[in-house]
Amino acid sequence: MKKDTEFYANAGFSVGISIPVLQKKVKAVYNRQMASIDYLPFWEETIKQIENFFLENGKEAEFHLWFNISYIGSQENKITVSVPSTYIFDQMKYRGYTTLLQDKILEISGQDIELEIIVVPKNKSISTSSATSSKTIQQNTVTKPHISEKNPIQNNIHQEKSDTIKPVKKNHPALNPYYTFENFVSGDENEYVYNASLAAAKNPGKVYNPLLIYGGVGLGKTHLMQAIGNEIYKNSGLNIIYISAENFTNEFIASIHNKTQSQFKSKYRNTDVLLIDDIHFFEDKEGTQEELFHTFNALYDNNKQLVFTCDRPVSELKNITDRLKSRFQRGLNADIHMPKYEIRRAIIEHKLNFMNKTLPVQIIDVIAQHIQTNVRDLEACLNTVTAFADLTKETLTVEKVKDIIAKTFSQNISVVSVEIIQRVVADYFNISFTDIKGKKRSKNIAFPRHIAFYLARELTDYSTTELGNDFGGRDHSTIMHGCQKIEEKLYADSTLEETISILKKKIKEYKKE
């Protein structure tokens, strides 16, 4: 069984025992014991294969952290296992590991065996009979299990959650099932890129082809790209390949070494949808660029959908051939931004709802205010805070959350000052720092000043009144008017977006100096 280099894209793990033999073994046990059935051999083989795959891909720590699972027992067509905390349970679902387990059990057993996952804290014990009597529910739902008053053993168990995963149409093996359009919280600043991605998903190969999404780390580029793939796969079942630029390069090099280039070309040039993450990795890789150029042409000429992500505008990529750059820019290039405060709050609330958790409004507010770098940091902070509450059982306070943020995310907290913005803008437009704050109204000074207004309002939490004071004692209405002018120009002039992106990057680099 051939393994793919992509983590979820492999068709199957290496098998330690012949699957038919394993299936016969379980069947024999069942025939001997009649009503009693034990799927333990299936479960052990499932965990063994998954562990081996994690180890082979250098993910040993990740395996031991999230696959902290105990086998409880089984009955006909169902396996029951437990995890030690709600946090582990939520993270397994979020990362797609529950689906991975179910798919692997189905592959090994050849039977529609349900996987029931319950939460049993380490200081509690559970019997097979009590475990299997808990209420089963539909796939990907979470609820409190039914606890019978007639069962004193089960009443003594603190089962916080129960999840029975029934085999349904499989998710795409290379795509995270959480990355959907429904789970992407979009505000005004990202409505454009969201709608473009949705349109490409609804009409693959017909609109916005290719689609390139660019922006900083952790803002949601991969989420939107995989949402496109999930939407297309759900509605059409087309052949979809999702791969990072690094893995595409590694696979191409391996094909040269193994003399399997014809198979490589056939795989990528005959797909219906090609999604490549982080194309900036192709810089300086001439051979891979050449191969991608021909792959691009083959797919584009046959109206196949192409989607790429990049950490910067295509124009800023270095050592990428002009002809490949022109291909990337042929369709639609859309910028993704860090959401503003209101949307950051909405993202936190959406994630809490998915995790089946709640936090006080003031705690949500503190996280949304302090984490301004990217959505990934925002979610990481939320996970840290909720894990702290779950594991310590302490009551969360605003002071405690601020302390957690300061200790864990101090390097990520935005500390952009208005002065840094003013100096970066002044240097970029070759005017003096004094002019940015001064009274001169000539066009070569007013325009950069308005950009500085706009960036200061977007990158800091200062009010327009406070910004007015920092810009030479101007009225708050002057700041608002300048920001409005830049917003209007952004709609009319696509090159201004690139200028804003460059300035943001320079501001970030300025902070490090």
Protein backbone atom coordinates (compact mmCIF):
# COMPACT_ATOMS: atom_id res chain seq x y z
CA MET A 1 0.00 0.00 0.00
CA LYS A 2 1.67 3.19 -1.15
CA LYS A 3 2.08 5.99 1.35
CA ASP A 4 1.64 9.60 0.33
CA THR A 5 3.85 12.28 1.84
CA GLU A 6 0.84 14.37 2.83
CA PHE A 7 -0.25 13.64 6.39
CA TYR A 8 -3.91 12.88 5.72
CA ALA A 9 -3.54 12.10 2.02
CA ASN A 10 -2.25 8.56 2.33
CA ALA A 11 -4.46 5.71 1.16
CA GLY A 12 -3.44 3.53 4.10
CA PHE A 13 -0.82 2.96 6.75
CA SER A 14 1.67 0.12 6.75
CA VAL A 15 -0.11 -2.95 8.06
CA GLY A 16 1.48 -5.01 10.80
CA ILE A 17 -0.83 -8.00 10.26
CA SER A 18 -2.74 -9.22 7.24
CA ILE A 19 -6.13 -7.54 7.28
CA PRO A 20 -8.05 -10.64 6.13
CA VAL A 21 -6.31 -12.64 8.87
CA LEU A 22 -7.24 -10.01 11.44
CA GLN A 23 -10.85 -9.97 10.28
CA LYS A 24 -11.06 -13.77 10.45
CA LYS A 25 -9.57 -13.69 13.93
CA VAL A 26 -12.29 -11.39 15.23
CA LYS A 27 -14.99 -13.38 13.45
CA ALA A 28 -13.72 -16.60 15.04
CA VAL A 29 -13.87 -15.02 18.48
CA TYR A 30 -17.41 -13.90 17.77
CA ASN A 31 -18.46 -17.35 16.56
CA ARG A 32 -17.06 -18.97 19.71
CA GLN A 33 -18.57 -16.49 22.13
CA MET A 34 -21.80 -15.82 20.24
CA ALA A 35 -23.34 -12.75 21.93
CA SER A 36 -19.99 -11.62 23.28
CA ILE A 37 -17.78 -9.85 20.75
CA ASP A 38 -14.48 -8.11 21.19
CA TYR A 39 -13.11 -5.72 18.57
CA LEU A 40 -9.90 -5.21 20.55
CA PRO A 41 -7.67 -6.63 17.77
CA PHE A 42 -9.14 -4.07 15.34
CA TRP A 43 -8.61 -1.26 17.83
CA GLU A 44 -5.03 -2.26 18.63
CA GLU A 45 -4.14 -2.45 14.94
CA THR A 46 -5.79 0.94 14.32
CA ILE A 47 -3.74 2.63 17.05
CA LYS A 48 -0.57 0.80 15.99
CA GLN A 49 -0.83 1.99 12.39
CA ILE A 50 -1.65 5.56 13.34
CA GLU A 51 1.22 5.68 15.84
CA ASN A 52 3.67 4.32 13.26
CA PHE A 53 2.60 6.92 10.76
CA PHE A 54 3.01 9.76 13.28
CA LEU A 55 6.47 8.47 14.24
CA GLU A 56 7.55 8.17 10.60
CA ASN A 57 6.55 11.80 10.04
CA GLY A 58 8.32 13.16 13.14
CA LYS A 59 5.09 13.74 15.06
CA GLU A 60 5.72 11.52 18.08
CA ALA A 61 4.96 14.25 20.63
CA GLU A 62 1.74 15.13 18.82
CA PHE A 63 0.60 11.50 18.87
CA HIS A 64 1.23 11.03 22.60
CA LEU A 65 -0.48 14.35 23.39
CA TRP A 66 -3.74 13.87 21.50
CA PHE A 67 -4.14 10.07 21.26
CA ASN A 68 -4.39 9.61 25.02
CA ILE A 69 -7.15 7.02 24.56
CA SER A 70 -8.19 3.95 26.54
CA TYR A 71 -10.10 1.00 25.10
CA ILE A 72 -13.17 0.27 27.25
CA GLY A 73 -14.97 -2.46 25.39
CA SER A 74 -17.15 -3.34 22.45
CA GLN A 75 -20.45 -4.81 21.44
CA GLU A 76 -21.70 -5.76 18.02
CA ASN A 77 -20.94 -2.96 15.54
CA LYS A 78 -19.60 -0.56 18.18
CA ILE A 79 -16.28 0.18 19.90
CA THR A 80 -16.24 2.32 23.05
CA VAL A 81 -13.10 4.21 24.09
CA SER A 82 -12.40 7.02 26.55
CA VAL A 83 -10.26 10.15 26.75
CA PRO A 84 -9.22 11.77 30.06
CA SER A 85 -10.60 15.29 29.58
CA THR A 86 -13.05 17.44 27.68
CA TYR A 87 -10.12 19.43 26.34
CA ILE A 88 -8.55 16.34 24.72
CA PHE A 89 -11.94 15.38 23.29
CA ASP A 90 -12.50 18.85 21.75
CA GLN A 91 -9.00 19.05 20.30
CA MET A 92 -9.29 15.60 18.71
CA LYS A 93 -12.49 16.65 16.95
CA TYR A 94 -11.05 20.01 15.92
CA ARG A 95 -7.92 18.43 14.44
CA GLY A 96 -9.87 15.76 12.57
CA TYR A 97 -8.44 12.87 14.61
CA THR A 98 -11.84 11.38 15.49
CA THR A 99 -12.59 11.10 11.78
CA LEU A 100 -9.13 9.62 11.21
CA LEU A 101 -9.81 6.93 13.81
CA GLN A 102 -13.22 6.06 12.36
CA ASP A 103 -11.88 5.85 8.80
CA LYS A 104 -9.00 3.61 9.88
CA ILE A 105 -11.32 1.26 11.82
CA LEU A 106 -13.53 0.97 8.75
CA GLU A 107 -10.52 0.25 6.54
CA ILE A 108 -9.08 -2.42 8.84
CA SER A 109 -12.31 -4.15 9.85
CA GLY A 110 -14.25 -3.88 6.64
CA GLN A 111 -17.33 -3.38 8.80
CA ASP A 112 -19.53 -0.41 9.70
CA ILE A 113 -18.34 -0.25 13.29
CA GLU A 114 -19.36 2.84 15.25
CA LEU A 115 -16.74 4.53 17.39
CA GLU A 116 -18.06 5.93 20.66
CA ILE A 117 -15.78 8.33 22.52
CA ILE A 118 -16.59 9.32 26.08
CA VAL A 119 -14.78 11.53 28.58
CA VAL A 120 -13.68 9.76 31.77
CA PRO A 121 -11.33 11.71 34.08
CA LYS A 122 -8.27 9.74 35.17
CA ASN A 123 -9.40 9.45 38.77
CA LYS A 124 -12.61 7.63 37.74
CA SER A 125 -13.12 4.04 36.72
CA ILE A 126 -15.59 2.57 34.27
CA SER A 127 -16.84 -0.85 33.36
CA THR A 128 -17.64 -2.08 29.89
CA SER A 129 -21.29 -2.59 30.73
CA SER A 130 -21.75 0.93 32.03
CA ALA A 131 -19.82 2.42 29.15
CA THR A 132 -21.80 0.73 26.44
CA SER A 133 -25.12 1.67 27.99
CA SER A 134 -24.60 5.38 27.43
CA LYS A 135 -26.81 7.12 24.88
CA THR A 136 -25.46 7.13 21.30
CA ILE A 137 -25.74 10.21 19.13
CA GLN A 138 -25.16 11.23 15.53
CA GLN A 139 -21.76 11.95 14.01
CA ASN A 140 -20.02 15.17 15.02
CA THR A 141 -22.57 16.07 17.69
CA VAL A 142 -21.79 16.53 21.36
CA THR A 143 -24.20 16.16 24.21
CA LYS A 144 -24.52 15.00 27.79
CA PRO A 145 -24.97 11.22 27.91
CA HIS A 146 -28.04 9.66 29.45
CA ILE A 147 -27.29 8.36 32.93
CA SER A 148 -29.73 5.85 34.33
CA GLU A 149 -30.68 6.18 37.97
CA LYS A 150 -30.84 2.37 38.09
CA ASN A 151 -27.14 2.08 37.31
CA PRO A 152 -25.11 3.15 40.37
CA ILE A 153 -21.83 2.45 38.61
CA GLN A 154 -22.64 4.81 35.78
CA ASN A 155 -23.99 7.44 38.16
CA ASN A 156 -20.58 7.42 39.80
CA ILE A 157 -18.84 8.26 36.53
CA HIS A 158 -18.34 11.87 35.50
CA GLN A 159 -19.00 11.38 31.79
CA GLU A 160 -18.80 14.90 30.47
CA LYS A 161 -19.31 14.09 26.79
CA SER A 162 -20.22 11.22 24.53
CA ASP A 163 -19.71 10.96 20.80
CA THR A 164 -20.70 8.14 18.51
CA ILE A 165 -19.26 8.53 15.04
CA LYS A 166 -21.25 6.64 12.45
CA PRO A 167 -19.65 5.86 9.12
CA VAL A 168 -20.91 8.27 6.50
CA LYS A 169 -19.44 9.51 3.25
CA LYS A 170 -15.78 10.05 4.00
CA ASN A 171 -14.28 13.50 4.16
CA HIS A 172 -11.54 14.24 1.66
CA PRO A 173 -8.43 12.57 3.16
CA ALA A 174 -6.14 15.57 2.63
CA LEU A 175 -8.51 18.29 3.85
CA ASN A 176 -9.33 19.32 7.40
CA PRO A 177 -13.10 18.82 7.81
CA TYR A 178 -13.26 21.85 10.13
CA TYR A 179 -12.09 24.17 7.36
CA THR A 180 -15.43 25.11 5.82
CA PHE A 181 -17.04 28.37 4.78
CA GLU A 182 -19.49 28.00 7.66
CA ASN A 183 -16.61 28.00 10.14
CA PHE A 184 -14.87 31.04 8.63
CA VAL A 185 -16.00 34.21 10.41
CA SER A 186 -15.73 37.02 7.87
CA GLY A 187 -15.96 40.74 8.56
CA ASP A 188 -16.02 43.68 6.17
CA GLU A 189 -12.24 43.59 5.74
CA ASN A 190 -12.32 39.99 4.43
CA GLU A 191 -15.72 39.89 2.74
CA TYR A 192 -14.09 40.29 -0.68
CA VAL A 193 -11.72 37.32 -0.38
CA TYR A 194 -14.43 35.21 1.28
CA ASN A 195 -16.95 35.83 -1.51
CA ALA A 196 -14.32 35.21 -4.18
CA SER A 197 -13.39 31.88 -2.58
CA LEU A 198 -17.04 30.85 -2.31
CA ALA A 199 -17.67 31.75 -5.96
CA ALA A 200 -14.68 29.66 -7.07
CA ALA A 201 -15.98 26.72 -5.00
CA LYS A 202 -19.47 26.97 -6.50
CA ASN A 203 -18.17 27.25 -10.09
CA PRO A 204 -14.79 25.46 -10.23
CA GLY A 205 -12.75 26.34 -13.29
CA LYS A 206 -15.27 28.91 -14.50
CA VAL A 207 -14.73 32.00 -12.32
CA TYR A 208 -11.65 33.38 -10.59
CA ASN A 209 -9.26 30.85 -12.06
CA PRO A 210 -6.61 30.80 -10.82
CA LEU A 211 -7.45 32.23 -7.39
CA LEU A 212 -4.51 33.38 -5.29
CA ILE A 213 -5.05 34.33 -1.64
CA TYR A 214 -2.22 36.24 0.00
CA GLY A 215 -1.58 37.69 3.45
CA GLY A 216 0.37 37.25 6.66
CA VAL A 217 0.83 34.12 8.75
CA GLY A 218 -2.19 32.68 10.54
CA LEU A 219 -4.88 34.89 8.99
CA GLY A 220 -6.93 32.10 7.40
CA LYS A 221 -5.44 31.54 3.93
CA THR A 222 -5.25 27.78 4.38
CA HIS A 223 -8.73 27.73 5.94
CA LEU A 224 -10.27 29.40 2.88
CA MET A 225 -8.28 27.29 0.44
CA GLN A 226 -9.36 24.05 2.11
CA ALA A 227 -12.93 25.37 2.41
CA ILE A 228 -12.93 25.63 -1.38
CA GLY A 229 -11.75 22.03 -1.62
CA ASN A 230 -14.27 20.76 0.93
CA GLU A 231 -17.15 22.58 -0.78
CA ILE A 232 -16.26 21.21 -4.23
CA TYR A 233 -15.75 17.69 -2.89
CA LYS A 234 -19.04 17.75 -0.98
CA ASN A 235 -21.06 18.90 -3.97
CA SER A 236 -19.37 17.12 -6.86
CA GLY A 237 -16.85 14.54 -5.69
CA LEU A 238 -14.30 15.85 -8.20
CA ASN A 239 -10.68 14.73 -7.93
CA ILE A 240 -8.96 17.25 -5.64
CA ILE A 241 -5.30 17.51 -4.71
CA TYR A 242 -4.26 19.68 -1.77
CA ILE A 243 -0.54 19.96 -1.08
CA SER A 244 1.95 22.42 0.35
CA ALA A 245 4.55 23.92 -1.98
CA GLU A 246 7.27 22.25 0.11
CA ASN A 247 5.73 18.79 -0.28
CA PHE A 248 5.10 19.38 -3.98
CA THR A 249 8.80 20.18 -4.35
CA ASN A 250 9.85 17.13 -2.30
CA GLU A 251 7.58 14.86 -4.32
CA PHE A 252 8.95 16.26 -7.59
CA ILE A 253 12.55 15.67 -6.45
CA ALA A 254 11.66 12.13 -5.36
CA SER A 255 10.12 11.44 -8.78
CA ILE A 256 13.41 12.42 -10.43
CA HIS A 257 15.41 10.24 -8.04
CA ASN A 258 13.06 7.27 -8.46
CA LYS A 259 12.59 7.83 -12.20
CA THR A 260 8.82 8.14 -11.75
CA GLN A 261 8.35 11.54 -13.36
CA SER A 262 5.68 10.25 -15.74
CA GLN A 263 3.53 9.18 -12.77
CA PHE A 264 4.13 12.53 -11.10
CA LYS A 265 3.07 14.44 -14.22
CA SER A 266 0.02 12.24 -14.68
CA LYS A 267 -1.08 12.72 -11.06
CA TYR A 268 -0.98 16.52 -11.13
CA ARG A 269 -1.97 17.20 -14.72
CA ASN A 270 -5.08 15.03 -14.62
CA THR A 271 -6.68 16.32 -11.44
CA ASP A 272 -9.84 18.44 -11.44
CA VAL A 273 -8.77 20.83 -8.69
CA LEU A 274 -5.23 21.70 -7.59
CA LEU A 275 -4.70 23.53 -4.29
CA ILE A 276 -1.10 24.54 -3.48
CA ASP A 277 -0.30 26.21 -0.17
CA ASP A 278 2.58 28.69 0.38
CA ILE A 279 3.89 29.23 -3.14
CA HIS A 280 6.57 31.59 -1.78
CA PHE A 281 8.45 28.34 -1.04
CA PHE A 282 9.07 28.01 -4.79
CA GLU A 283 11.54 30.93 -4.72
CA ASP A 284 14.96 29.87 -6.06
CA LYS A 285 13.68 26.42 -7.10
CA GLU A 286 14.01 26.61 -10.87
CA GLY A 287 13.29 22.97 -11.67
CA THR A 288 10.11 22.87 -9.60
CA GLN A 289 8.99 26.18 -11.13
CA GLU A 290 9.44 24.70 -14.60
CA GLU A 291 7.32 21.66 -13.70
CA LEU A 292 4.63 23.79 -12.07
CA PHE A 293 4.51 26.06 -15.12
CA HIS A 294 3.65 23.14 -17.41
CA THR A 295 1.24 21.66 -14.85
CA PHE A 296 -0.48 25.05 -14.60
CA ASN A 297 -0.89 25.28 -18.37
CA ALA A 298 -2.25 21.74 -18.67
CA LEU A 299 -4.91 22.34 -15.99
CA TYR A 300 -5.79 25.89 -16.99
CA ASP A 301 -6.25 24.96 -20.64
CA ASN A 302 -8.73 22.27 -19.56
CA ASN A 303 -10.69 24.63 -17.28
CA LYS A 304 -9.55 22.92 -14.09
CA GLN A 305 -9.61 25.01 -10.91
CA LEU A 306 -6.30 26.25 -9.49
CA VAL A 307 -5.97 27.87 -6.05
CA PHE A 308 -2.77 29.15 -4.45
CA THR A 309 -1.80 30.87 -1.22
CA CYS A 310 1.17 33.12 -0.57
CA ASP A 311 2.46 35.20 2.33
CA ARG A 312 2.87 38.31 0.15
CA PRO A 313 1.71 39.82 -3.15
CA VAL A 314 3.07 38.02 -6.22
CA SER A 315 4.94 41.18 -7.22
CA GLU A 316 7.10 40.83 -4.08
CA LEU A 317 8.19 37.25 -4.80
CA LYS A 318 11.89 36.98 -5.63
CA ASN A 319 13.59 34.58 -8.02
CA ILE A 320 10.30 33.37 -9.49
CA THR A 321 10.25 33.35 -13.29
CA ASP A 322 8.23 36.12 -14.91
CA ARG A 323 6.14 33.66 -16.89
CA LEU A 324 5.11 31.81 -13.70
CA LYS A 325 4.36 35.10 -11.96
CA SER A 326 2.13 36.07 -14.86
CA ARG A 327 0.26 32.76 -14.47
CA PHE A 328 -0.31 33.39 -10.76
CA GLN A 329 -1.69 36.85 -11.58
CA ARG A 330 -3.86 35.72 -14.50
CA GLY A 331 -7.03 35.22 -12.46
CA LEU A 332 -7.83 36.95 -9.16
CA ASN A 333 -5.39 37.87 -6.39
CA ALA A 334 -7.18 38.61 -3.10
CA ASP A 335 -5.65 39.95 0.11
CA ILE A 336 -6.67 38.62 3.53
CA HIS A 337 -6.42 40.88 6.58
CA MET A 338 -6.31 40.55 10.34
CA PRO A 339 -9.90 40.98 11.53
CA LYS A 340 -10.80 44.01 13.58
CA TYR A 341 -11.80 43.82 17.24
CA GLU A 342 -15.49 43.09 16.66
CA ILE A 343 -14.75 40.18 14.32
CA ARG A 344 -12.06 38.84 16.67
CA ARG A 345 -14.75 38.61 19.32
CA ALA A 346 -17.09 36.87 16.89
CA ILE A 347 -14.33 34.37 16.04
CA ILE A 348 -13.82 33.57 19.71
CA GLU A 349 -17.55 33.11 20.28
CA HIS A 350 -17.83 30.87 17.20
CA LYS A 351 -14.91 28.72 18.38
CA LEU A 352 -16.39 28.45 21.88
CA ASN A 353 -19.67 27.29 20.39
CA PHE A 354 -17.83 24.64 18.37
CA MET A 355 -15.99 23.51 21.50
CA ASN A 356 -19.27 23.46 23.44
CA LYS A 357 -17.80 25.83 26.02
CA THR A 358 -18.63 29.23 27.47
CA LEU A 359 -16.54 32.08 28.85
CA PRO A 360 -17.60 35.27 30.60
CA VAL A 361 -18.01 38.23 28.28
CA GLN A 362 -15.20 40.15 29.98
CA ILE A 363 -12.77 37.26 29.39
CA ILE A 364 -13.67 37.11 25.69
CA ASP A 365 -13.15 40.87 25.53
CA VAL A 366 -9.66 40.67 27.07
CA ILE A 367 -8.52 38.02 24.57
CA ALA A 368 -9.95 39.94 21.60
CA GLN A 369 -8.31 43.18 22.71
CA HIS A 370 -4.85 41.81 23.44
CA ILE A 371 -4.26 39.34 20.60
CA GLN A 372 -3.97 41.40 17.42
CA THR A 373 -1.38 39.47 15.44
CA ASN A 374 -3.34 36.78 13.63
CA VAL A 375 -6.27 34.39 13.97
CA ARG A 376 -3.98 31.46 14.75
CA ASP A 377 -2.62 33.25 17.82
CA LEU A 378 -6.17 34.21 18.77
CA GLU A 379 -7.31 30.57 18.71
CA ALA A 380 -4.12 29.42 20.47
CA CYS A 381 -4.76 31.91 23.25
CA LEU A 382 -8.37 30.76 23.58
CA ASN A 383 -7.24 27.10 23.76
CA THR A 384 -4.67 27.98 26.42
CA VAL A 385 -7.22 29.84 28.54
CA THR A 386 -9.88 27.12 28.31
CA ALA A 387 -7.30 24.39 28.98
CA PHE A 388 -6.15 26.26 32.09
CA ALA A 389 -9.74 26.39 33.34
CA ASP A 390 -10.33 22.68 32.57
CA LEU A 391 -7.11 21.38 34.07
CA THR A 392 -6.82 23.56 37.19
CA LYS A 393 -10.56 23.99 37.91
CA GLU A 394 -9.74 27.57 38.93
CA THR A 395 -12.23 30.35 38.32
CA LEU A 396 -11.08 32.54 35.46
CA THR A 397 -10.68 36.22 36.21
CA VAL A 398 -9.66 39.11 33.97
CA GLU A 399 -6.41 39.43 35.92
CA LYS A 400 -5.62 35.72 35.55
CA VAL A 401 -6.29 35.79 31.78
CA LYS A 402 -4.09 38.87 31.37
CA ASP A 403 -1.36 37.05 33.27
CA ILE A 404 -1.69 33.99 30.99
CA ILE A 405 -1.50 36.22 27.92
CA ALA A 406 1.52 38.10 29.26
CA LYS A 407 3.43 34.91 30.03
CA THR A 408 2.50 32.90 26.95
CA PHE A 409 1.86 35.45 24.21
CA SER A 410 3.95 38.44 25.27
CA GLN A 411 5.95 38.37 22.01
CA ASN A 412 2.76 38.29 19.95
CA ILE A 413 0.89 41.14 21.61
CA SER A 414 0.71 44.13 19.33
CA VAL A 415 2.90 47.01 20.52
CA VAL A 416 2.80 49.14 17.39
CA SER A 417 3.16 52.80 18.27
CA VAL A 418 1.90 55.74 16.28
CA GLU A 419 5.44 57.06 16.10
CA ILE A 420 6.71 53.88 14.42
CA ILE A 421 3.93 54.14 11.83
CA GLN A 422 4.75 57.80 11.19
CA ARG A 423 8.47 57.13 10.75
CA VAL A 424 7.96 54.12 8.44
CA VAL A 425 5.52 56.03 6.23
CA ALA A 426 7.76 59.10 6.14
CA ASP A 427 10.80 57.02 5.14
CA TYR A 428 8.84 55.13 2.47
CA PHE A 429 7.56 58.31 0.79
CA ASN A 430 10.86 60.16 1.31
CA ILE A 431 9.43 62.98 3.39
CA SER A 432 10.45 64.12 6.85
CA PHE A 433 8.97 62.84 10.11
CA THR A 434 8.11 66.46 10.95
CA ASP A 435 6.07 66.85 7.75
CA ILE A 436 3.89 63.83 8.64
CA LYS A 437 2.83 65.62 11.83
CA GLY A 438 3.02 69.15 10.43
CA LYS A 439 0.58 71.52 8.72
CA LYS A 440 1.80 71.39 5.12
CA ARG A 441 -0.96 70.35 2.69
CA SER A 442 0.91 69.74 -0.55
CA LYS A 443 -0.10 66.52 -2.32
CA ASN A 444 3.25 64.79 -1.81
CA ILE A 445 2.79 65.21 1.96
CA ALA A 446 -1.01 65.00 2.41
CA PHE A 447 -1.31 61.61 0.73
CA PRO A 448 1.35 59.88 2.91
CA ARG A 449 -0.17 61.57 5.96
CA HIS A 450 -3.58 60.12 5.13
CA ILE A 451 -1.99 56.67 4.75
CA ALA A 452 -0.41 57.12 8.19
CA PHE A 453 -3.87 58.02 9.57
CA TYR A 454 -5.30 54.88 8.01
CA LEU A 455 -2.55 52.57 9.27
CA ALA A 456 -2.62 54.06 12.77
CA ARG A 457 -6.35 53.55 13.01
CA GLU A 458 -6.08 49.95 11.76
CA LEU A 459 -2.99 48.83 13.67
CA THR A 460 -3.63 50.50 17.05
CA ASP A 461 -6.54 50.70 19.46
CA TYR A 462 -6.33 54.49 19.80
CA SER A 463 -9.46 56.57 19.23
CA THR A 464 -9.55 59.16 16.44
CA THR A 465 -9.32 61.87 19.12
CA GLU A 466 -6.13 60.31 20.52
CA LEU A 467 -4.71 59.91 17.02
CA GLY A 468 -5.49 63.55 16.29
CA ASN A 469 -3.32 64.55 19.26
CA ASP A 470 -0.46 62.35 17.99
CA PHE A 471 -0.68 63.95 14.55
CA GLY A 472 0.02 67.51 15.62
CA GLY A 473 -3.20 68.26 17.52
CA ARG A 474 -5.63 67.62 14.69
CA ASP A 475 -9.37 67.27 15.19
CA HIS A 476 -10.81 63.74 15.23
CA SER A 477 -12.91 64.54 12.14
CA THR A 478 -9.69 65.24 10.19
CA ILE A 479 -8.41 61.75 11.02
CA MET A 480 -11.71 60.19 9.97
CA HIS A 481 -11.77 62.15 6.70
CA GLY A 482 -8.20 61.08 5.83
CA CYS A 483 -8.98 57.41 6.57
CA GLN A 484 -12.10 57.61 4.41
CA LYS A 485 -10.09 58.97 1.48
CA ILE A 486 -7.67 56.04 1.66
CA GLU A 487 -10.53 53.53 1.91
CA GLU A 488 -12.09 55.02 -1.23
CA LYS A 489 -8.77 54.84 -3.09
CA LEU A 490 -8.32 51.19 -2.10
CA TYR A 491 -11.47 50.27 -4.02
CA ALA A 492 -10.31 52.14 -7.12
CA ASP A 493 -6.56 51.49 -7.14
CA SER A 494 -5.33 47.90 -6.72
CA THR A 495 -1.70 49.05 -6.48
CA LEU A 496 -2.50 50.91 -3.27
CA GLU A 497 -3.32 47.58 -1.59
CA GLU A 498 0.21 46.42 -2.31
CA THR A 499 1.61 49.67 -0.91
CA ILE A 500 -0.39 49.20 2.30
CA SER A 501 0.83 45.59 2.59
CA ILE A 502 4.45 46.64 2.11
CA LEU A 503 4.12 49.34 4.78
CA LYS A 504 2.56 46.91 7.24
CA LYS A 505 5.45 44.53 6.70
CA LYS A 506 7.98 47.34 7.22
CA ILE A 507 6.21 48.39 10.42
CA LYS A 508 6.42 44.82 11.70
CA GLU A 509 10.12 44.61 10.81
CA TYR A 510 10.74 48.02 12.37
CA LYS A 511 9.48 46.66 15.69
CA LYS A 512 12.10 43.93 15.65
CA GLU A 513 14.98 46.33 15.17
